[in-house]
N, C-alpha and C. Protein backbone atom coordinates (compact mmCIF):
# COMPACT_ATOMS: atom_id res chain seq x y z
N LEU A 1 -128.80 73.31 137.07
CA LEU A 1 -127.54 72.36 136.30
C LEU A 1 -127.96 71.64 135.39
N ARG A 2 -129.13 70.80 135.67
CA ARG A 2 -129.62 70.08 134.22
C ARG A 2 -130.25 70.51 133.30
N GLU A 3 -131.06 71.38 133.97
CA GLU A 3 -131.69 72.33 132.76
C GLU A 3 -130.76 72.80 131.57
N GLU A 4 -129.70 73.53 132.53
CA GLU A 4 -128.70 74.53 131.37
C GLU A 4 -127.47 73.53 130.87
N TRP A 5 -127.08 72.60 131.59
CA TRP A 5 -125.80 71.89 131.48
C TRP A 5 -126.25 70.34 130.88
N GLY A 6 -127.39 70.22 131.16
CA GLY A 6 -127.55 68.64 131.21
C GLY A 6 -126.77 67.58 132.25
N VAL A 7 -126.55 68.16 133.38
CA VAL A 7 -125.56 67.39 134.11
C VAL A 7 -126.90 67.11 135.73
N SER A 8 -126.98 66.27 135.66
CA SER A 8 -127.58 65.46 137.04
C SER A 8 -127.05 64.38 137.78
N GLY A 9 -127.59 65.25 139.68
CA GLY A 9 -126.63 64.56 140.43
C GLY A 9 -127.48 62.57 140.88
N TRP A 10 -126.36 61.87 141.34
CA TRP A 10 -126.42 60.58 142.31
C TRP A 10 -126.89 60.40 143.55
N THR A 11 -127.23 59.75 143.88
CA THR A 11 -127.57 59.99 145.76
C THR A 11 -126.62 58.28 146.05
N LEU A 12 -125.95 58.48 146.71
CA LEU A 12 -125.60 57.11 146.97
C LEU A 12 -125.36 56.97 148.58
N LEU A 13 -125.92 55.87 149.04
CA LEU A 13 -125.96 56.03 150.43
C LEU A 13 -125.05 54.75 150.75
N GLN A 14 -123.85 55.82 151.83
CA GLN A 14 -122.75 54.45 152.28
C GLN A 14 -122.89 53.98 153.56
N PHE A 15 -122.21 52.94 153.51
CA PHE A 15 -122.97 52.05 154.80
C PHE A 15 -121.26 51.65 155.58
N LEU A 16 -121.24 51.66 156.86
CA LEU A 16 -120.19 51.34 157.51
C LEU A 16 -119.27 50.27 156.85
N GLY A 17 -118.09 50.70 156.68
CA GLY A 17 -117.22 49.54 155.98
C GLY A 17 -117.53 49.81 154.32
N ASP A 18 -118.05 50.08 153.85
CA ASP A 18 -117.78 51.12 152.24
C ASP A 18 -117.26 51.55 151.90
N ALA A 19 -116.50 51.85 150.85
CA ALA A 19 -115.83 52.83 150.20
C ALA A 19 -116.28 53.13 148.86
N VAL A 20 -116.08 54.48 148.88
CA VAL A 20 -116.24 54.80 147.25
C VAL A 20 -115.49 56.28 146.54
N LEU A 21 -115.39 55.32 145.67
CA LEU A 21 -114.09 55.81 144.47
C LEU A 21 -114.89 56.97 144.04
N VAL A 22 -114.36 57.98 143.96
CA VAL A 22 -114.80 58.94 142.97
C VAL A 22 -113.90 59.64 142.21
N PRO A 23 -113.92 59.63 140.66
CA PRO A 23 -113.08 59.68 139.40
C PRO A 23 -112.28 60.62 139.65
N ALA A 24 -110.86 60.79 139.50
CA ALA A 24 -110.16 62.24 139.27
C ALA A 24 -110.99 63.06 138.40
N GLY A 25 -111.18 64.33 138.89
CA GLY A 25 -111.58 65.36 137.96
C GLY A 25 -113.14 65.78 138.43
N ALA A 26 -113.82 64.23 139.09
CA ALA A 26 -115.69 64.61 139.01
C ALA A 26 -115.69 65.62 140.45
N PRO A 27 -116.50 66.49 140.03
CA PRO A 27 -117.22 67.05 140.97
C PRO A 27 -117.89 66.36 141.88
N HIS A 28 -118.03 66.34 143.23
CA HIS A 28 -119.02 65.55 144.11
C HIS A 28 -119.14 66.71 145.28
N GLN A 29 -120.20 65.72 146.10
CA GLN A 29 -120.50 67.14 147.36
C GLN A 29 -120.48 65.79 148.83
N VAL A 30 -120.61 66.10 149.53
CA VAL A 30 -121.17 65.13 150.86
C VAL A 30 -121.33 65.85 151.81
N GLN A 31 -123.18 64.88 152.23
CA GLN A 31 -123.76 65.30 153.20
C GLN A 31 -123.42 64.08 154.05
N SER A 32 -123.02 64.00 155.20
CA SER A 32 -122.89 63.19 156.40
C SER A 32 -124.19 63.47 157.22
N LEU A 33 -124.78 62.15 157.83
CA LEU A 33 -126.23 61.74 157.98
C LEU A 33 -125.68 61.68 159.34
N THR A 34 -124.75 61.42 159.99
CA THR A 34 -123.88 61.30 161.31
C THR A 34 -122.59 61.31 161.82
N SER A 35 -122.23 61.13 162.62
CA SER A 35 -120.77 61.92 162.67
C SER A 35 -119.78 60.49 161.81
N THR A 36 -118.93 61.22 161.41
CA THR A 36 -117.79 60.58 160.32
C THR A 36 -116.56 60.71 160.29
N ILE A 37 -115.77 59.90 160.22
CA ILE A 37 -114.04 60.43 159.41
C ILE A 37 -114.39 59.59 157.95
N SER A 38 -113.75 60.52 157.27
CA SER A 38 -113.28 60.83 155.90
C SER A 38 -112.07 60.30 155.60
N VAL A 39 -111.85 59.50 155.17
CA VAL A 39 -110.33 59.48 154.73
C VAL A 39 -109.99 59.98 152.67
N GLU A 40 -109.18 60.60 152.53
CA GLU A 40 -108.98 60.56 151.03
C GLU A 40 -107.58 60.44 150.59
N GLN A 41 -107.60 59.62 149.85
CA GLN A 41 -106.07 59.24 149.18
C GLN A 41 -105.98 59.57 147.59
N ARG A 42 -104.93 60.50 147.25
CA ARG A 42 -104.73 60.48 145.71
C ARG A 42 -103.77 59.57 145.25
N PHE A 43 -104.57 59.31 144.02
CA PHE A 43 -103.88 58.53 143.35
C PHE A 43 -103.51 58.84 142.18
N LEU A 44 -102.22 58.42 142.01
CA LEU A 44 -101.70 58.96 140.60
C LEU A 44 -101.27 57.68 139.41
N SER A 45 -102.33 56.82 138.92
CA SER A 45 -101.95 55.97 137.97
C SER A 45 -100.63 56.44 136.88
N PRO A 46 -100.13 55.16 136.92
CA PRO A 46 -98.27 55.15 135.85
C PRO A 46 -99.16 55.65 134.48
N GLU A 47 -99.89 55.63 133.73
CA GLU A 47 -100.22 56.18 132.40
C GLU A 47 -100.41 57.67 132.03
N ASN A 48 -100.26 58.39 134.38
CA ASN A 48 -100.79 59.77 133.48
C ASN A 48 -99.50 60.28 134.24
N ILE A 49 -98.44 59.73 134.43
CA ILE A 49 -96.91 60.31 134.92
C ILE A 49 -96.55 61.41 133.84
N THR A 50 -96.74 60.88 132.55
CA THR A 50 -96.10 61.51 131.10
C THR A 50 -96.79 62.68 131.42
N HIS A 51 -98.43 62.63 131.34
CA HIS A 51 -99.10 64.39 131.26
C HIS A 51 -98.57 64.99 132.59
N LEU A 52 -97.98 64.16 133.77
CA LEU A 52 -97.55 65.52 134.66
C LEU A 52 -96.29 65.96 134.68
N ARG A 53 -95.62 64.99 134.21
CA ARG A 53 -94.40 65.48 133.55
C ARG A 53 -94.07 66.35 132.48
N ASP A 54 -95.23 66.18 131.35
CA ASP A 54 -95.29 67.34 130.27
C ASP A 54 -95.74 68.84 130.91
N HIS A 55 -96.84 68.61 131.81
CA HIS A 55 -97.49 70.08 131.89
C HIS A 55 -97.53 70.46 133.22
N GLY A 56 -96.15 69.85 134.14
CA GLY A 56 -95.88 69.99 135.57
C GLY A 56 -96.13 71.30 136.03
N THR A 57 -95.69 72.71 134.89
CA THR A 57 -95.78 73.64 135.85
C THR A 57 -96.82 74.74 135.47
N HIS A 58 -97.85 73.65 135.27
CA HIS A 58 -99.19 74.13 135.05
C HIS A 58 -100.34 73.84 136.14
N LEU A 59 -99.98 72.69 136.91
CA LEU A 59 -101.12 71.98 137.47
C LEU A 59 -101.03 72.48 138.87
N PRO A 60 -101.83 72.59 139.31
CA PRO A 60 -102.17 73.06 140.83
C PRO A 60 -100.99 72.25 141.92
N ARG A 61 -101.29 72.98 143.00
CA ARG A 61 -100.34 72.57 144.02
C ARG A 61 -100.42 71.13 144.56
N ALA A 62 -101.47 70.80 144.57
CA ALA A 62 -101.56 69.24 144.51
C ALA A 62 -101.13 68.44 143.78
N ALA A 63 -100.98 68.73 142.62
CA ALA A 63 -100.46 67.90 141.30
C ALA A 63 -98.65 68.07 141.39
N HIS A 64 -98.19 69.60 142.38
CA HIS A 64 -96.98 68.94 142.70
C HIS A 64 -96.43 68.44 143.52
N GLN A 65 -97.16 67.99 144.13
CA GLN A 65 -97.29 66.97 145.58
C GLN A 65 -97.26 65.83 145.00
N LEU A 66 -98.25 65.60 144.16
CA LEU A 66 -98.04 63.76 143.55
C LEU A 66 -96.55 63.96 142.67
N ARG A 67 -96.62 64.83 141.99
CA ARG A 67 -94.77 64.73 141.52
C ARG A 67 -93.62 64.32 142.16
N ALA A 68 -93.94 65.05 142.66
CA ALA A 68 -92.83 64.32 144.26
C ALA A 68 -92.96 63.00 144.37
N GLN A 69 -93.77 63.14 144.87
CA GLN A 69 -94.34 61.80 145.15
C GLN A 69 -93.97 60.28 144.41
N VAL A 70 -93.99 60.95 142.62
CA VAL A 70 -93.81 60.04 141.90
C VAL A 70 -92.08 60.30 141.59
N ASP A 71 -91.44 61.02 141.53
CA ASP A 71 -90.15 61.14 141.57
C ASP A 71 -89.33 59.81 142.73
N ALA A 72 -90.42 60.30 143.88
CA ALA A 72 -89.85 59.67 144.90
C ALA A 72 -89.79 57.91 144.54
N MET A 73 -90.99 57.68 144.29
CA MET A 73 -91.29 56.02 143.68
C MET A 73 -90.05 55.78 142.35
N ILE A 74 -89.96 56.30 141.38
CA ILE A 74 -89.01 55.98 140.47
C ILE A 74 -87.41 55.99 141.13
N LEU A 75 -87.33 56.93 142.29
CA LEU A 75 -86.29 56.44 142.85
C LEU A 75 -85.70 55.26 143.69
N SER A 76 -87.04 54.96 144.37
CA SER A 76 -86.86 53.78 145.28
C SER A 76 -86.80 53.01 144.17
N ALA A 77 -87.66 52.59 143.11
CA ALA A 77 -87.66 51.48 141.79
C ALA A 77 -86.10 51.29 141.09
N VAL A 78 -85.38 52.39 141.07
CA VAL A 78 -84.01 52.51 140.43
C VAL A 78 -83.05 51.79 141.74
N GLN A 79 -83.08 52.48 143.08
CA GLN A 79 -82.33 51.73 143.71
C GLN A 79 -82.97 50.17 144.10
N GLU A 80 -84.14 49.85 144.21
CA GLU A 80 -84.18 48.51 144.29
C GLU A 80 -83.78 47.77 142.90
N ALA A 81 -83.67 47.94 141.89
CA ALA A 81 -83.18 47.55 140.92
C ALA A 81 -81.60 46.95 140.90
N LEU A 82 -80.91 48.68 141.38
CA LEU A 82 -79.52 48.54 141.68
C LEU A 82 -79.44 47.34 142.66
N GLU A 83 -79.50 47.32 143.54
CA GLU A 83 -79.42 46.39 144.57
C GLU A 83 -79.91 45.10 143.90
N VAL A 84 -80.73 44.84 142.89
CA VAL A 84 -81.06 43.32 142.68
C VAL A 84 -79.45 42.81 142.32
N LEU A 85 -79.53 43.62 141.15
CA LEU A 85 -78.18 43.76 140.08
C LEU A 85 -77.20 43.28 140.86
N GLN A 86 -76.72 43.69 141.84
CA GLN A 86 -75.68 43.88 142.35
C GLN A 86 -75.60 42.29 142.57
N GLY A 87 -76.72 42.19 143.29
CA GLY A 87 -76.33 40.52 144.44
C GLY A 87 -76.46 39.93 143.22
N CYS A 88 -76.45 40.00 142.05
CA CYS A 88 -76.19 38.59 141.12
C CYS A 88 -74.80 38.81 140.36
N LYS A 89 -74.43 39.24 141.21
CA LYS A 89 -72.42 39.02 141.17
C LYS A 89 -72.41 37.88 141.50
């Protein structure tokens, strides 16, 4: 990859209690040297909601799941705002 595309790899040692954030779209590979538990959390930033909405039909399944989560977050925020406004009467 380095010779053809100029892509070089990095080695990162992760210790107990360390968290590693991999940017969205960044290819990565993991080699576990000991028994481990891996936890993955997908995150959709507010800045990307418009992109997700505008290109929803061309996105993979995981993106559609994120879109459903965004819809649920918006609905929850609207409901909470309405409750606050109704309480101000």
